[in-house]
Amino acid sequence: MAVVRFHLVSTLSPADVLEVLTDFSPSRPQAWPTIDAGHFTVHGQGETWAEVTEGTSAAWERARYEWKPGGDTVTITTLDSKLFGAGGGWVFRMTPEGDGTRVDVELTRQPGTLKGKMLASLLPLAAPASLRKSFAKPLQAA
């Protein structure tokens, strides 16, 4: 199992970060550089959850998002993934910091294939910087 942890600081309020993370409208692929419209499907959605497939042809995942309205945490459980299969996921925790929000991110991957295991071994080295960069624009982070 690979675990990657990093944080970024957003100019958005915690409520606005929560809104960005849980906005599953048709404009989501335009907001997130790691999602293309051809690999974005909302399978179901409620007030505190959504099940979606998102990503690109190279790396997509089907996941269940869960949060509490006005809460400070979004938990994403991977149901299926092109690269890693089921298991693992993401946790985003928002804490007010100055005029914005500190967003602590934890990514867990449980690879089942040899290729997945090789990729997972590289995640702690390569993922923090590239993920921080891909989240910077949608979360308005420096």
Protein backbone atom coordinates (compact mmCIF):
# COMPACT_ATOMS: atom_id res chain seq x y z
CA MET A 1 0.00 0.00 0.00
CA ALA A 2 1.25 3.46 -0.90
CA VAL A 3 0.35 6.54 1.12
CA VAL A 4 1.07 10.09 0.00
CA ARG A 5 0.48 13.12 2.22
CA PHE A 6 0.86 16.78 1.36
CA HIS A 7 -0.89 20.09 1.94
CA LEU A 8 -1.57 23.31 0.14
CA VAL A 9 -2.95 26.68 1.19
CA SER A 10 -5.97 28.00 -0.67
CA THR A 11 -7.24 31.57 -0.83
CA LEU A 12 -10.76 30.11 -0.58
CA SER A 13 -12.70 29.69 2.66
CA PRO A 14 -13.18 26.12 3.98
CA ALA A 15 -16.83 26.25 2.80
CA ASP A 16 -15.71 27.29 -0.69
CA VAL A 17 -13.07 24.51 -0.83
CA LEU A 18 -15.79 22.03 0.14
CA GLU A 19 -17.99 23.42 -2.64
CA VAL A 20 -15.22 23.04 -5.26
CA LEU A 21 -14.43 19.47 -4.16
CA THR A 22 -18.10 18.42 -4.24
CA ASP A 23 -19.29 20.25 -7.37
CA PHE A 24 -20.27 17.49 -9.80
CA SER A 25 -21.91 19.77 -12.36
CA PRO A 26 -21.11 19.38 -16.08
CA SER A 27 -18.43 22.10 -15.70
CA ARG A 28 -16.26 19.88 -13.44
CA PRO A 29 -13.97 18.77 -16.30
CA GLN A 30 -13.22 22.43 -17.14
CA ALA A 31 -12.27 23.17 -13.52
CA TRP A 32 -10.02 20.15 -12.95
CA PRO A 33 -7.07 19.55 -15.31
CA THR A 34 -7.01 15.81 -14.52
CA ILE A 35 -10.59 15.20 -15.71
CA ASP A 36 -11.72 15.12 -19.32
CA ALA A 37 -15.37 15.27 -20.34
CA GLY A 38 -15.19 11.83 -21.96
CA HIS A 39 -14.22 10.24 -18.65
CA PHE A 40 -16.64 12.05 -16.35
CA THR A 41 -19.90 10.38 -15.34
CA VAL A 42 -22.06 11.01 -12.28
CA HIS A 43 -23.62 7.64 -11.42
CA GLY A 44 -25.60 8.89 -8.42
CA GLN A 45 -25.65 11.85 -6.06
CA GLY A 46 -27.26 12.90 -2.80
CA GLU A 47 -26.91 15.75 -0.32
CA THR A 48 -23.81 14.23 1.33
CA TRP A 49 -22.43 11.82 -1.28
CA ALA A 50 -21.75 11.25 -4.96
CA GLU A 51 -20.55 8.28 -6.97
CA VAL A 52 -18.61 9.33 -10.05
CA THR A 53 -16.18 8.11 -12.64
CA GLU A 54 -13.59 10.73 -13.52
CA GLY A 55 -10.11 11.04 -14.97
CA THR A 56 -8.62 10.53 -18.41
CA SER A 57 -8.10 7.59 -20.76
CA ALA A 58 -4.70 7.06 -19.15
CA ALA A 59 -5.90 7.16 -15.53
CA TRP A 60 -9.54 7.08 -14.46
CA GLU A 61 -11.29 5.95 -11.31
CA ARG A 62 -14.80 5.31 -10.11
CA ALA A 63 -15.17 6.63 -6.58
CA ARG A 64 -17.66 7.42 -3.85
CA TYR A 65 -17.36 10.90 -2.33
CA GLU A 66 -18.77 11.50 1.16
CA TRP A 67 -18.94 14.70 3.24
CA LYS A 68 -21.07 16.51 5.79
CA PRO A 69 -22.69 19.84 4.86
CA GLY A 70 -20.57 22.54 6.49
CA GLY A 71 -18.00 19.89 7.39
CA ASP A 72 -14.24 20.01 7.12
CA THR A 73 -13.52 16.63 5.47
CA VAL A 74 -14.23 15.01 2.11
CA THR A 75 -13.53 11.28 1.94
CA ILE A 76 -13.24 9.58 -1.44
CA THR A 77 -13.25 5.78 -1.62
CA THR A 78 -11.94 4.20 -4.82
CA LEU A 79 -14.41 1.62 -6.14
CA ASP A 80 -12.51 0.85 -9.35
CA SER A 81 -9.50 2.31 -11.12
CA LYS A 82 -7.69 1.70 -14.39
CA LEU A 83 -4.31 1.73 -12.66
CA PHE A 84 -4.93 0.48 -9.13
CA GLY A 85 -8.30 -1.27 -8.86
CA ALA A 86 -10.60 -0.99 -5.86
CA GLY A 87 -9.44 0.13 -2.42
CA GLY A 88 -7.73 3.17 -1.08
CA GLY A 89 -8.78 6.67 -1.98
CA TRP A 90 -8.41 10.26 -0.88
CA VAL A 91 -9.07 12.32 2.23
CA PHE A 92 -9.20 16.13 2.07
CA ARG A 93 -9.24 18.02 5.40
CA MET A 94 -9.83 21.76 5.46
CA THR A 95 -8.62 24.02 8.27
CA PRO A 96 -8.99 27.81 8.34
CA GLU A 97 -5.60 29.49 7.95
CA GLY A 98 -5.24 33.25 7.76
CA ASP A 99 -7.66 34.53 5.13
CA GLY A 100 -7.85 31.13 3.45
CA THR A 101 -7.71 27.42 4.09
CA ARG A 102 -5.04 24.82 4.67
CA VAL A 103 -6.00 21.69 2.75
CA ASP A 104 -4.34 18.49 3.99
CA VAL A 105 -4.51 15.70 1.43
CA GLU A 106 -3.91 12.00 1.94
CA LEU A 107 -3.88 9.59 -1.00
CA THR A 108 -3.86 5.84 -0.37
CA ARG A 109 -3.42 3.28 -3.14
CA GLN A 110 -3.74 -0.48 -2.79
CA PRO A 111 -2.41 -1.90 -6.05
CA GLY A 112 -3.37 -5.40 -7.11
CA THR A 113 -1.26 -5.84 -10.25
CA LEU A 114 2.48 -5.80 -10.80
CA LYS A 115 2.16 -2.61 -12.85
CA GLY A 116 0.07 -1.03 -10.09
CA LYS A 117 2.64 -2.03 -7.47
CA MET A 118 5.44 -0.47 -9.51
CA LEU A 119 3.46 2.76 -9.96
CA ALA A 120 2.51 2.83 -6.28
CA SER A 121 6.16 2.57 -5.26
CA LEU A 122 6.86 5.80 -7.18
CA LEU A 123 3.92 7.76 -5.74
CA PRO A 124 5.62 9.01 -2.54
CA LEU A 125 8.41 10.51 -4.67
CA ALA A 126 6.56 11.97 -7.64
CA ALA A 127 2.98 12.53 -6.53
CA PRO A 128 3.14 15.36 -3.95
CA ALA A 129 4.54 18.00 -6.32
CA SER A 130 2.44 16.99 -9.34
CA LEU A 131 -0.78 16.66 -7.33
CA ARG A 132 -0.22 19.97 -5.56
CA LYS A 133 0.22 21.59 -8.99
CA SER A 134 -2.93 19.97 -10.43
CA PHE A 135 -5.03 21.07 -7.42
CA ALA A 136 -3.63 24.63 -7.35
CA LYS A 137 -5.94 26.17 -9.97
CA PRO A 138 -9.30 24.63 -8.93
CA LEU A 139 -8.59 25.24 -5.22
CA GLN A 140 -7.01 28.66 -5.85
CA ALA A 141 -3.83 27.71 -4.04
CA ALA A 142 -0.36 29.21 -4.21
